[in-house]
Protein backbone atom coordinates (compact mmCIF):
# COMPACT_ATOMS: atom_id res chain seq x y z
CA MET A 1 8.80 6.73 -19.04
CA LYS A 2 7.25 5.95 -22.42
CA GLU A 3 8.72 2.45 -22.62
CA ASN A 4 7.36 1.50 -19.19
CA ARG A 5 4.19 3.61 -19.42
CA LEU A 6 5.00 5.29 -16.15
CA ILE A 7 3.04 8.46 -16.80
CA GLY A 8 0.01 9.14 -18.96
CA GLU A 9 -1.68 12.29 -20.14
CA GLY A 10 -3.76 13.84 -17.36
CA ASP A 11 -1.85 12.16 -14.52
CA ILE A 12 -1.37 14.06 -11.26
CA VAL A 13 2.16 13.14 -10.17
CA LEU A 14 3.19 13.51 -6.54
CA VAL A 15 6.98 13.70 -6.21
CA ALA A 16 8.56 12.57 -2.94
CA VAL A 17 11.05 15.38 -2.30
CA SER A 18 13.64 15.05 0.45
CA GLY A 19 15.63 18.08 -0.67
CA GLY A 20 18.59 15.97 -1.76
CA ILE A 21 20.10 16.09 -5.23
CA ASP A 22 18.21 13.06 -6.59
CA SER A 23 14.70 14.10 -5.62
CA MET A 24 15.26 17.77 -6.47
CA THR A 25 16.47 16.78 -9.94
CA LEU A 26 13.46 14.51 -10.43
CA LEU A 27 11.11 17.33 -9.39
CA TYR A 28 12.92 19.76 -11.74
CA ILE A 29 12.68 17.41 -14.74
CA LEU A 30 9.05 16.43 -14.22
CA LYS A 31 8.07 20.08 -13.79
CA LYS A 32 10.02 20.99 -16.91
CA LEU A 33 8.35 18.19 -18.92
CA SER A 34 4.86 18.71 -17.48
CA PRO A 35 3.54 20.84 -20.41
CA LEU A 36 4.79 18.26 -22.92
CA LEU A 37 3.44 15.30 -20.92
CA LYS A 38 0.25 17.17 -20.03
CA ILE A 39 0.53 16.28 -16.36
CA GLU A 40 0.26 18.12 -13.07
CA VAL A 41 3.24 17.96 -10.69
CA LEU A 42 2.96 18.18 -6.89
CA GLY A 43 5.54 17.82 -4.12
CA ALA A 44 5.52 16.03 -0.74
CA HIS A 45 8.12 16.34 2.01
CA LEU A 46 8.29 14.62 5.40
CA ASP A 47 10.29 16.17 8.23
CA HIS A 48 11.24 13.02 10.16
CA ARG A 49 13.13 14.71 13.02
CA ILE A 50 15.98 12.21 12.79
CA ARG A 51 18.52 15.01 12.21
CA GLU A 52 18.80 18.47 13.70
CA SER A 53 18.89 19.87 10.16
CA SER A 54 15.57 18.26 9.16
CA GLU A 55 13.68 21.53 9.73
CA ARG A 56 16.16 23.28 7.43
CA ASP A 57 15.42 20.71 4.72
CA ARG A 58 11.67 21.20 5.06
CA LYS A 59 11.92 24.97 4.73
CA PHE A 60 14.27 24.59 1.76
CA VAL A 61 11.81 22.33 -0.07
CA GLU A 62 8.92 24.70 0.69
CA ASP A 63 10.90 27.69 -0.63
CA ILE A 64 12.02 25.98 -3.87
CA CYS A 65 8.56 24.61 -4.58
CA ARG A 66 7.17 28.11 -4.14
CA GLN A 67 9.77 29.46 -6.60
CA TRP A 68 9.05 26.69 -9.11
CA ASN A 69 5.29 27.08 -8.69
CA VAL A 70 4.88 23.49 -7.45
CA PRO A 71 2.18 22.89 -4.80
CA VAL A 72 3.76 21.03 -1.90
CA GLU A 73 2.48 19.20 1.18
CA THR A 74 4.77 18.86 4.21
CA ALA A 75 4.43 17.15 7.59
CA VAL A 76 6.48 16.68 10.74
CA VAL A 77 6.69 13.26 12.42
CA ASP A 78 8.96 12.39 15.36
CA VAL A 79 10.30 9.13 13.91
CA PRO A 80 12.88 8.50 16.69
CA ALA A 81 10.06 8.57 19.26
CA LEU A 82 8.09 6.01 17.23
CA TRP A 83 11.21 3.89 16.82
CA LYS A 84 11.89 3.42 20.55
CA GLY A 85 10.57 0.06 21.69
CA SER A 86 9.29 -0.86 18.23
CA GLY A 87 11.70 -3.76 17.79
CA LYS A 88 12.57 -2.45 14.32
CA THR A 89 15.53 -0.54 12.95
CA LEU A 90 15.32 3.25 12.69
CA GLU A 91 15.54 2.92 8.90
CA GLU A 92 12.58 0.52 8.83
CA VAL A 93 10.40 2.82 10.94
CA ALA A 94 11.37 5.86 8.86
CA ARG A 95 10.48 4.00 5.67
CA GLU A 96 7.08 2.90 6.99
CA VAL A 97 6.25 6.43 8.14
CA ARG A 98 7.41 7.93 4.84
CA TYR A 99 5.27 5.65 2.68
CA SER A 100 2.26 6.13 4.95
CA PHE A 101 2.67 9.90 4.57
CA LEU A 102 2.92 9.65 0.79
CA GLU A 103 -0.22 7.50 0.61
CA LYS A 104 -2.20 9.98 2.71
CA VAL A 105 -1.04 12.99 0.67
CA ALA A 106 -1.77 11.22 -2.62
CA LYS A 107 -5.27 10.41 -1.46
CA LYS A 108 -5.85 13.95 -0.20
CA LEU A 109 -4.65 15.61 -3.42
CA GLY A 110 -6.01 13.02 -5.83
CA ALA A 111 -2.56 12.08 -7.13
CA THR A 112 -2.61 9.21 -9.62
CA LYS A 113 1.16 8.55 -9.46
CA ILE A 114 3.82 8.86 -6.76
CA ALA A 115 7.30 9.45 -8.20
CA LEU A 116 10.38 8.29 -6.28
CA ALA A 117 13.96 9.22 -7.18
CA HIS A 118 15.62 5.80 -6.80
CA HIS A 119 18.42 5.14 -9.30
CA LYS A 120 20.86 2.39 -10.28
CA ASN A 121 23.12 2.99 -7.28
CA ASP A 122 20.17 2.58 -4.91
CA LEU A 123 19.46 -0.68 -6.70
CA LEU A 124 23.07 -1.84 -6.29
CA GLU A 125 23.14 -0.95 -2.59
CA THR A 126 19.82 -2.68 -1.93
CA VAL A 127 20.94 -5.88 -3.68
CA LEU A 128 24.18 -5.94 -1.66
CA HIS A 129 22.27 -5.27 1.55
CA ARG A 130 19.88 -8.15 0.85
CA LEU A 131 22.69 -10.51 -0.09
CA VAL A 132 24.48 -9.77 3.18
CA ARG A 133 21.29 -10.43 5.14
CA GLY A 134 20.77 -13.76 3.37
CA THR A 135 18.07 -13.19 0.78
CA GLY A 136 16.78 -15.93 -1.48
CA PRO A 137 17.35 -15.76 -5.24
CA LEU A 138 14.03 -14.00 -5.84
CA GLY A 139 14.89 -11.38 -3.21
CA ILE A 140 17.25 -9.85 -5.76
CA ALA A 141 14.17 -8.67 -7.65
CA CYS A 142 13.86 -5.41 -5.72
CA ILE A 143 12.93 -1.78 -6.40
CA PRO A 144 10.64 -2.21 -9.42
CA VAL A 145 10.39 0.61 -11.93
CA LYS A 146 6.62 0.56 -11.39
CA ARG A 147 4.42 -0.85 -8.61
CA GLU A 148 0.79 0.19 -8.48
CA LYS A 149 0.86 4.01 -8.34
CA TYR A 150 4.59 4.21 -7.47
CA ILE A 151 6.97 5.01 -10.33
CA ARG A 152 10.76 5.40 -10.50
CA PRO A 153 11.70 7.32 -13.66
CA PHE A 154 15.40 7.58 -12.59
CA LEU A 155 15.99 3.84 -12.19
CA VAL A 156 17.80 3.73 -15.56
CA PHE A 157 20.41 6.30 -14.43
CA LYS A 158 23.50 6.14 -12.24
CA ARG A 159 23.94 8.58 -9.38
CA SER A 160 26.87 10.19 -11.25
CA GLU A 161 24.66 10.91 -14.29
CA ILE A 162 22.06 12.61 -12.11
CA GLU A 163 24.74 14.67 -10.33
CA ASP A 164 26.27 15.78 -13.64
CA TYR A 165 22.89 16.91 -14.95
CA ALA A 166 22.04 18.73 -11.70
CA GLN A 167 25.35 20.56 -11.82
CA LYS A 168 24.85 21.68 -15.43
CA GLN A 169 21.31 22.87 -14.74
CA LYS A 170 22.32 24.49 -11.44
CA ILE A 171 19.57 22.63 -9.56
CA PRO A 172 19.62 23.59 -5.86
CA PHE A 173 19.70 20.89 -3.21
CA VAL A 174 20.66 20.24 0.41
CA VAL A 175 23.13 17.65 1.71
CA ASP A 176 22.07 15.10 4.31
CA GLU A 177 25.16 14.86 6.50
CA THR A 178 24.10 11.42 7.80
CA ASN A 179 24.64 10.03 4.29
CA TYR A 180 28.34 9.85 5.18
CA ASP A 181 27.90 8.15 8.56
CA ILE A 182 29.06 4.56 7.97
CA LYS A 183 27.42 3.28 11.16
CA TYR A 184 24.35 2.91 8.94
CA THR A 185 24.55 -0.28 6.86
CA ARG A 186 23.53 1.34 3.59
CA ASN A 187 26.13 4.10 4.00
CA PHE A 188 28.84 1.53 4.77
CA ILE A 189 27.93 -0.31 1.56
CA ARG A 190 27.88 2.94 -0.41
CA HIS A 191 31.21 4.35 0.80
CA ARG A 192 33.25 1.22 1.57
CA VAL A 193 31.94 -1.72 -0.46
CA VAL A 194 30.77 -0.19 -3.75
CA PRO A 195 34.11 1.60 -4.46
CA LEU A 196 35.89 -1.78 -4.19
CA LEU A 197 33.42 -3.38 -6.58
CA LYS A 198 33.88 -0.54 -9.07
CA LYS A 199 37.60 -1.34 -9.15
CA LEU A 200 36.65 -4.80 -10.41
CA ASN A 201 33.96 -3.47 -12.75
CA PRO A 202 33.58 0.30 -13.31
CA ASN A 203 30.05 -0.36 -14.61
CA VAL A 204 28.93 -2.58 -11.75
CA GLU A 205 25.69 -0.56 -11.47
CA ASP A 206 24.75 -1.56 -15.01
CA ALA A 207 25.61 -5.21 -14.32
CA VAL A 208 23.37 -5.32 -11.25
CA TYR A 209 20.59 -3.50 -13.11
CA ARG A 210 20.62 -6.30 -15.71
CA LEU A 211 20.67 -8.94 -12.98
CA VAL A 212 17.68 -7.38 -11.23
CA SER A 213 15.78 -7.06 -14.52
CA ILE A 214 16.27 -10.78 -15.21
CA SER A 215 15.35 -11.58 -11.59
CA PHE A 216 12.00 -9.85 -12.06
CA MET A 217 11.30 -12.05 -15.08
CA LEU A 218 12.33 -15.12 -13.10
CA ARG A 219 10.13 -14.08 -10.17
CA GLU A 220 7.15 -13.62 -12.47
CA PHE A 221 7.68 -17.14 -13.86
CA VAL A 222 8.10 -18.68 -10.39
CA GLU A 223 5.05 -16.88 -8.99
CA GLU A 224 2.89 -18.15 -11.84
CA THR A 225 4.19 -21.69 -11.30
CA VAL A 226 3.63 -21.49 -7.55
CA GLN A 227 0.11 -20.10 -7.89
CA ASN A 228 -0.84 -22.89 -10.28
CA PHE A 229 0.57 -25.46 -7.85
CA VAL A 230 -1.28 -23.91 -4.92
CA LYS A 231 -4.55 -23.77 -6.83
CA GLU A 232 -4.34 -27.42 -7.86
CA LYS A 233 -2.56 -29.15 -4.98
CA VAL A 234 -2.57 -27.18 -1.70
CA HIS A 235 -5.39 -27.97 0.71
CA PHE A 236 -6.17 -25.49 3.49
CA TYR A 237 -7.60 -26.71 6.77
CA LYS A 238 -8.50 -24.80 9.92
CA ASP A 239 -5.03 -23.68 10.98
CA PHE A 240 -2.61 -25.27 8.55
CA ALA A 241 -2.20 -26.30 4.91
CA VAL A 242 -1.09 -29.60 3.38
CA PHE A 243 0.27 -30.50 -0.04
CA GLU A 244 2.05 -33.36 -1.74
CA GLU A 245 5.73 -32.52 -1.85
CA PRO A 246 6.90 -31.43 -5.30
CA LYS A 247 10.05 -33.14 -6.55
CA ASN A 248 11.80 -29.81 -7.01
CA GLN A 249 13.11 -28.50 -3.67
CA PHE A 250 13.04 -24.87 -4.76
CA LEU A 251 9.37 -25.19 -5.66
CA PHE A 252 8.76 -26.70 -2.20
CA LEU A 253 10.36 -23.65 -0.58
CA GLU A 254 8.43 -21.18 -2.71
CA VAL A 255 5.09 -22.95 -2.14
CA THR A 256 5.83 -22.90 1.59
CA ARG A 257 6.59 -19.17 1.45
CA TRP A 258 3.36 -18.51 -0.46
CA VAL A 259 1.29 -20.49 2.05
CA LEU A 260 2.88 -18.71 5.02
CA LYS A 261 2.22 -15.34 3.40
CA THR A 262 -1.41 -16.35 2.87
CA LEU A 263 -1.93 -17.65 6.41
CA TYR A 264 0.10 -15.14 8.41
CA GLY A 265 0.95 -12.22 6.16
CA ARG A 266 4.69 -12.73 6.57
CA THR A 267 7.50 -15.10 5.64
CA PRO A 268 10.69 -16.18 7.46
CA ASP A 269 14.24 -15.73 6.22
CA TYR A 270 15.29 -18.14 3.50
CA GLU A 271 17.93 -19.56 5.83
CA LYS A 272 15.18 -20.74 8.18
CA LEU A 273 13.13 -22.22 5.36
CA ILE A 274 16.09 -24.18 4.00
CA GLU A 275 16.28 -26.01 7.35
CA SER A 276 13.00 -27.69 6.39
CA LEU A 277 14.83 -29.51 3.59
CA LYS A 278 17.12 -31.11 6.17
CA SER A 279 14.77 -31.64 9.13
CA ARG A 280 11.34 -33.24 9.30
CA ARG A 281 9.98 -30.45 11.47
CA VAL A 282 11.16 -26.85 11.74
CA GLU A 283 9.61 -24.18 13.95
CA LEU A 284 9.54 -20.89 12.06
CA TRP A 285 8.08 -18.82 14.89
CA LYS A 286 5.93 -19.62 17.92
CA ASP A 287 3.69 -22.64 17.17
CA VAL A 288 4.16 -22.25 13.40
CA PHE A 289 5.96 -25.14 11.73
CA VAL A 290 6.96 -26.67 8.43
CA GLU A 291 6.69 -30.46 8.54
CA ARG A 292 7.50 -33.14 5.98
CA SER A 293 6.21 -36.67 6.39
CA PHE A 294 5.69 -39.55 3.96
CA GLY A 295 5.82 -37.33 0.89
CA TYR A 296 3.55 -34.58 2.19
CA GLY A 297 4.32 -31.13 3.51
CA ALA A 298 2.33 -29.28 6.16
CA VAL A 299 2.65 -25.59 6.94
CA GLY A 300 1.14 -23.72 9.89
CA LYS A 301 0.06 -24.84 13.34
CA THR A 302 0.82 -28.46 12.57
CA LEU A 303 1.26 -29.64 16.17
CA PHE A 304 -2.09 -30.66 17.60
CA LYS A 305 -1.97 -30.25 21.38
CA LYS A 306 -5.66 -30.44 22.27
CA LYS A 307 -7.44 -33.49 23.68
CA TYR A 308 -11.02 -34.09 22.58
CA ARG A 309 -13.66 -36.71 23.45
CA LEU A 310 -17.14 -36.66 21.92
CA GLU A 311 -19.95 -39.03 22.84
CA VAL A 312 -21.21 -40.88 19.78
CA LYS A 313 -24.84 -40.91 18.66
CA ASP A 314 -26.31 -41.71 15.27
CA GLY A 315 -25.31 -39.09 12.74
CA ILE A 316 -22.37 -37.47 10.96
CA PHE A 317 -19.36 -36.08 12.79
CA ASP A 318 -16.94 -33.56 11.27
CA ILE A 319 -13.72 -33.52 13.29
CA GLU A 320 -10.35 -32.03 12.22
CA GLY A 321 -10.95 -32.71 8.52
CA PHE A 322 -12.42 -36.19 9.08
CA LYS A 323 -16.11 -36.70 8.29
CA ILE A 324 -17.53 -39.86 9.88
CA LYS A 325 -21.00 -41.40 9.64
CA VAL A 326 -22.18 -43.50 12.60
CA ASN A 327 -25.23 -45.75 13.00
CA LEU A 328 -25.44 -47.59 16.34
CA HIS A 329 -28.60 -49.50 15.37
CA GLY A 330 -30.03 -49.02 18.86
CA ILE A 331 -27.18 -50.75 20.70
CA GLU A 332 -27.21 -49.69 24.36
CA ARG A 333 -23.52 -49.07 24.91
CA ALA A 334 -21.51 -45.91 25.26
CA PHE A 335 -19.04 -44.98 22.51
CA TRP A 336 -16.83 -41.98 22.00
CA LEU A 337 -14.73 -40.39 19.30
CA ARG A 338 -11.44 -39.10 20.68
CA ASN A 339 -7.90 -38.48 19.54
CA ARG A 340 -5.10 -40.80 20.55
CA ARG A 341 -3.62 -41.15 24.01
CA LYS A 342 -0.19 -42.34 25.01
CA GLY A 343 0.01 -46.13 24.89
CA ASP A 344 -3.09 -46.65 22.71
CA ARG A 345 -3.34 -50.14 21.22
CA ILE A 346 -5.80 -52.09 19.11
CA ILE A 347 -6.42 -55.85 18.79
CA ILE A 348 -6.25 -57.09 15.20
CA ASN A 349 -6.47 -60.77 14.27
CA GLY A 350 -5.79 -61.72 17.86
CA SER A 351 -2.67 -59.57 18.10
CA GLU A 352 -2.39 -56.38 20.11
CA GLU A 353 -0.84 -53.67 17.94
CA LYS A 354 0.54 -50.29 19.00
CA LEU A 355 -1.32 -47.47 17.29
CA LYS A 356 1.99 -45.77 16.63
CA ASP A 357 3.24 -48.80 14.67
CA ILE A 358 0.05 -48.96 12.63
CA PHE A 359 0.31 -45.28 11.71
CA ILE A 360 3.89 -45.83 10.55
CA GLU A 361 2.97 -48.96 8.58
CA LYS A 362 0.11 -47.16 6.86
CA LYS A 363 2.33 -44.12 6.19
CA VAL A 364 0.07 -41.69 8.05
CA PRO A 365 1.87 -38.30 8.11
CA VAL A 366 3.01 -37.30 11.59
CA PHE A 367 0.95 -34.09 11.60
CA TYR A 368 -2.32 -36.08 11.33
CA ARG A 369 -1.75 -38.70 14.01
CA ASP A 370 -2.94 -36.64 16.99
CA ARG A 371 -5.96 -35.36 15.06
CA VAL A 372 -7.43 -38.71 13.93
CA PRO A 373 -10.84 -39.43 15.58
CA LEU A 374 -10.67 -42.93 17.08
CA LEU A 375 -13.82 -44.83 18.00
CA VAL A 376 -13.46 -46.14 21.57
CA ASP A 377 -15.74 -47.92 24.06
CA GLU A 378 -16.57 -47.09 27.68
CA GLN A 379 -13.25 -48.61 28.81
CA GLY A 380 -11.35 -46.43 26.38
CA ARG A 381 -10.33 -49.35 24.17
CA VAL A 382 -9.72 -48.44 20.53
CA LEU A 383 -12.32 -50.13 18.32
CA TRP A 384 -11.74 -48.38 15.01
CA VAL A 385 -9.07 -46.31 13.32
CA PRO A 386 -10.77 -44.46 10.41
CA GLY A 387 -9.89 -45.90 7.04
CA ILE A 388 -7.23 -48.16 8.54
CA ALA A 389 -8.30 -50.78 11.08
CA PHE A 390 -11.19 -52.42 12.95
CA SER A 391 -10.55 -54.07 16.30
CA ASP A 392 -11.49 -57.71 16.91
CA GLU A 393 -13.70 -56.27 19.67
CA PHE A 394 -15.66 -54.03 17.32
CA PRO A 395 -19.42 -54.67 17.82
CA PRO A 396 -20.87 -56.07 14.56
CA GLU A 397 -24.19 -54.23 15.07
CA VAL A 398 -22.49 -50.84 14.70
CA ASN A 399 -21.84 -49.22 11.33
CA VAL A 400 -19.15 -46.56 10.90
CA GLU A 401 -18.06 -45.04 7.63
CA LEU A 402 -15.27 -42.63 6.78
CA LEU A 403 -16.82 -40.17 4.33
CA GLU A 404 -13.98 -37.64 4.02
CA PHE A 405 -10.41 -37.33 5.26
CA PRO A 406 -7.49 -34.90 4.81
CA ILE A 407 -5.23 -35.23 1.79
CA GLY A 408 -2.47 -37.82 2.20
CA TYR A 409 -3.97 -39.31 5.38
CA VAL A 410 -3.60 -42.92 4.20
CA LYS A 411 -1.18 -44.07 1.52
CA GLY A 412 -0.71 -47.74 2.45
CA GLY A 413 -4.12 -49.15 1.67
CA THR A 414 -6.85 -50.54 3.93
CA SER A 415 -5.88 -54.16 4.58
CA PHE A 416 -7.27 -54.06 8.11
CA GLU A 417 -10.73 -52.85 7.09
CA GLN A 418 -13.63 -55.02 8.17
CA VAL A 419 -15.25 -56.94 5.32
């Protein structure tokens, strides 16, 4: 606790107490050390109604806290009822409810720290669980010893060390019978997988603890690198972001994850993200894509499905990241700015060119092509492609100027521009 500055003098520490051996031992130790540390210790217990014996556990915690002179807050929540139709696992819903309860109690009682009884075996089981589900390398950095007000003083101990101490001190606890039901993934890992690993390495918990500690250092380095890249090179538009592809593929994946988290508050599985290294366009979830085109990456709602058509007058137009200045000089003809239509062509130096071919030649990223505002006449003929080409039919009296455009829009120069 001293090394990691988990608890300071005057802290009010709320201990999450399930009634099991780990949390009861943590409560016992913190209460025992409270005069030395000059802290106040409180308890919190949630009766989740997942097991028939959950009421027994709640009453047990209330009784022991009363005996130990520890103020305790308890609550009853029907987690199985909340779980039905949620689309989540029962464990996920229980976890969300538990942390919400702890936050509310901490706020109510003015607790400055919330102590959880996770230990090295929890760390091992979580790493294995994540590996099986397909986590990325940084996903191994899990269960930090400290995160905001949450602290885990037992993370340096194995379950066996905690059990030995509890037995010597005669610390009372209750047994959750579902801990032995291997239909739950974590229990299967605990009772079937971990014993096999311990045959290969009796100290596998220590090995994974070291791995996770290094992974946290790696994650900190990667996050700093990603944030610097985002700050300098990622450009956010209305519903997507664009950046020049970094040479390192891992950095590309991590920047993509960061952008998705910023835009949508969530990220896909790593397996899905890796597809973007093999395919030019990958749909992550409905209408959200990762696209790569001509050295640029785009993340978000990259497919532009709308059709727009704006009548042109003198002035400045700001359309989909393109800022265009128009001066018609009093010419009495109708002009419009619209995005491309199927079969669009433009006449350049007496030759009719497909717009699609021009975009490819000029290395215009795919995710921009349906957004580009084209100047067209009353017959719908393309007269100007911003920053790229003027048609032979472009009226000389008219002045158009591309003031701003999205990053990476044109990489191949402006050889078609009118002189």
